[in-house]
C-alpha atoms as a PDB file:
ATOM      1  CA  MET A   1      11.281  46.630  -6.299  1.00  0.00           C
ATOM      2  CA  ASN A   2      11.842  50.266  -5.378  1.00  0.00           C
ATOM      3  CA  GLY A   3      10.353  49.683  -1.929  1.00  0.00           C
ATOM      4  CA  LEU A   4      12.723  46.749  -1.377  1.00  0.00           C
ATOM      5  CA  LYS A   5      15.770  48.928  -2.147  1.00  0.00           C
ATOM      6  CA  ILE A   6      14.599  51.584   0.300  1.00  0.00           C
ATOM      7  CA  THR A   7      13.975  48.938   2.959  1.00  0.00           C
ATOM      8  CA  ILE A   8      17.449  47.446   2.482  1.00  0.00           C
ATOM      9  CA  ILE A   9      19.101  50.885   2.554  1.00  0.00           C
ATOM     10  CA  MET A  10      17.236  51.821   5.732  1.00  0.00           C
ATOM     11  CA  TRP A  11      18.193  48.488   7.328  1.00  0.00           C
ATOM     12  CA  VAL A  12      21.897  49.000   6.449  1.00  0.00           C
ATOM     13  CA  ILE A  13      21.838  52.549   7.840  1.00  0.00           C
ATOM     14  CA  GLY A  14      20.063  51.370  10.991  1.00  0.00           C
ATOM     15  CA  THR A  15      22.550  48.599  11.680  1.00  0.00           C
ATOM     16  CA  SER A  16      25.513  50.885  10.949  1.00  0.00           C
ATOM     17  CA  VAL A  17      24.265  53.486  13.428  1.00  0.00           C
ATOM     18  CA  GLY A  18      23.879  50.749  16.024  1.00  0.00           C
ATOM     19  CA  CYS A  19      27.593  49.940  15.712  1.00  0.00           C
ATOM     20  CA  ALA A  20      28.752  53.528  16.261  1.00  0.00           C
ATOM     21  CA  ASN A  21      30.966  53.996  19.318  1.00  0.00           C
ATOM     22  CA  ASP A  22      32.109  57.341  20.684  1.00  0.00           C
ATOM     23  CA  GLN A  23      34.702  55.874  23.061  1.00  0.00           C
ATOM     24  CA  PRO A  24      38.353  56.083  21.961  1.00  0.00           C
ATOM     25  CA  LEU A  25      40.139  52.816  21.224  1.00  0.00           C
ATOM     26  CA  GLY A  26      41.357  51.168  24.425  1.00  0.00           C
ATOM     27  CA  HIS A  27      39.239  53.340  26.724  1.00  0.00           C
ATOM     28  CA  HIS A  28      37.833  50.403  28.681  1.00  0.00           C
ATOM     29  CA  VAL A  29      41.248  48.760  29.080  1.00  0.00           C
ATOM     30  CA  ALA A  30      42.718  52.015  30.390  1.00  0.00           C
ATOM     31  CA  ASN A  31      39.846  52.381  32.877  1.00  0.00           C
ATOM     32  CA  LEU A  32      40.236  48.789  34.040  1.00  0.00           C
ATOM     33  CA  ARG A  33      43.986  49.262  34.543  1.00  0.00           C
ATOM     34  CA  ALA A  34      43.417  52.455  36.509  1.00  0.00           C
ATOM     35  CA  GLU A  35      40.875  50.729  38.747  1.00  0.00           C
ATOM     36  CA  GLN A  36      43.011  47.656  39.391  1.00  0.00           C
ATOM     37  CA  VAL A  37      46.293  49.418  40.128  1.00  0.00           C
ATOM     38  CA  TYR A  38      46.596  51.395  43.358  1.00  0.00           C
ATOM     39  CA  ASN A  39      49.850  52.957  42.173  1.00  0.00           C
ATOM     40  CA  PRO A  40      49.850  53.441  38.372  1.00  0.00           C
ATOM     41  CA  ASN A  41      53.607  54.153  38.404  1.00  0.00           C
ATOM     42  CA  ALA A  42      54.500  50.980  40.319  1.00  0.00           C
ATOM     43  CA  THR A  43      56.061  49.275  37.299  1.00  0.00           C
ATOM     44  CA  LYS A  44      58.484  52.162  36.710  1.00  0.00           C
ATOM     45  CA  GLU A  45      59.267  52.698  40.407  1.00  0.00           C
ATOM     46  CA  ASN A  46      60.137  49.040  41.045  1.00  0.00           C
ATOM     47  CA  GLU A  47      62.392  48.347  38.056  1.00  0.00           C
ATOM     48  CA  SER A  48      65.501  48.329  40.254  1.00  0.00           C
ATOM     49  CA  VAL A  49      63.917  45.770  42.612  1.00  0.00           C
ATOM     50  CA  ILE A  50      63.413  43.101  39.935  1.00  0.00           C
ATOM     51  CA  PRO A  51      66.600  41.057  39.492  1.00  0.00           C
ATOM     52  CA  SER A  52      67.684  40.091  35.999  1.00  0.00           C
ATOM     53  CA  GLY A  53      68.784  36.608  35.024  1.00  0.00           C
ATOM     54  CA  SER A  54      67.490  33.088  34.763  1.00  0.00           C
ATOM     55  CA  GLY A  55      68.084  29.583  36.060  1.00  0.00           C
ATOM     56  CA  GLU A  56      70.522  29.254  38.960  1.00  0.00           C
ATOM     57  CA  ARG A  57      71.014  33.019  39.202  1.00  0.00           C
ATOM     58  CA  MET A  58      67.303  33.529  39.839  1.00  0.00           C
ATOM     59  CA  GLU A  59      67.115  30.707  42.375  1.00  0.00           C
ATOM     60  CA  GLY A  60      68.752  32.871  45.062  1.00  0.00           C
ATOM     61  CA  ALA A  61      66.286  35.690  44.455  1.00  0.00           C
ATOM     62  CA  TYR A  62      63.389  33.219  44.568  1.00  0.00           C
ATOM     63  CA  GLN A  63      64.613  31.711  47.840  1.00  0.00           C
ATOM     64  CA  THR A  64      64.981  35.163  49.361  1.00  0.00           C
ATOM     65  CA  TYR A  65      61.494  36.090  48.180  1.00  0.00           C
ATOM     66  CA  THR A  66      59.832  32.962  49.573  1.00  0.00           C
ATOM     67  CA  GLY A  67      62.031  32.690  52.666  1.00  0.00           C
ATOM     68  CA  VAL A  68      62.673  29.006  51.925  1.00  0.00           C
ATOM     69  CA  GLU A  69      66.241  27.867  51.311  1.00  0.00           C
ATOM     70  CA  SER A  70      67.065  24.718  49.432  1.00  0.00           C
ATOM     71  CA  LYS A  71      70.753  23.817  49.226  1.00  0.00           C
ATOM     72  CA  GLY A  72      70.144  20.569  47.362  1.00  0.00           C
ATOM     73  CA  LEU A  73      69.583  22.191  43.954  1.00  0.00           C
ATOM     74  CA  LYS A  74      72.215  21.525  41.297  1.00  0.00           C
ATOM     75  CA  GLY A  75      72.610  22.382  37.650  1.00  0.00           C
ATOM     76  CA  THR A  76      69.320  23.103  35.942  1.00  0.00           C
ATOM     77  CA  GLU A  77      67.080  21.935  38.788  1.00  0.00           C
ATOM     78  CA  SER A  78      64.593  24.515  39.943  1.00  0.00           C
ATOM     79  CA  GLN A  79      62.514  24.854  43.062  1.00  0.00           C
ATOM     80  CA  VAL A  80      59.912  26.728  41.015  1.00  0.00           C
ATOM     81  CA  LEU A  81      59.462  23.946  38.460  1.00  0.00           C
ATOM     82  CA  GLN A  82      59.324  21.297  41.169  1.00  0.00           C
ATOM     83  CA  GLY A  83      56.408  23.166  42.722  1.00  0.00           C
ATOM     84  CA  PHE A  84      54.462  22.973  39.450  1.00  0.00           C
ATOM     85  CA  ALA A  85      55.119  19.258  39.024  1.00  0.00           C
ATOM     86  CA  GLN A  86      53.362  18.337  42.273  1.00  0.00           C
END
């Protein structure tokens, strides 16, 4: 019985040590972000470029971005949503 307790305690200690991790939380995500982004400050530098709004107001920005004009859109129609439907 005493040998079983020692075996269980050693097994618990062994598995706990196997789970130890010296890396700080989020270390891998931060490394991945740094590797994927050429300019880490791009989100802050381009805030003035991104227009705010939705629906018809954004349609003009989308048409300028894609270089395709569509004058037949009315109301809540959207060139973006039509592209997904196809």
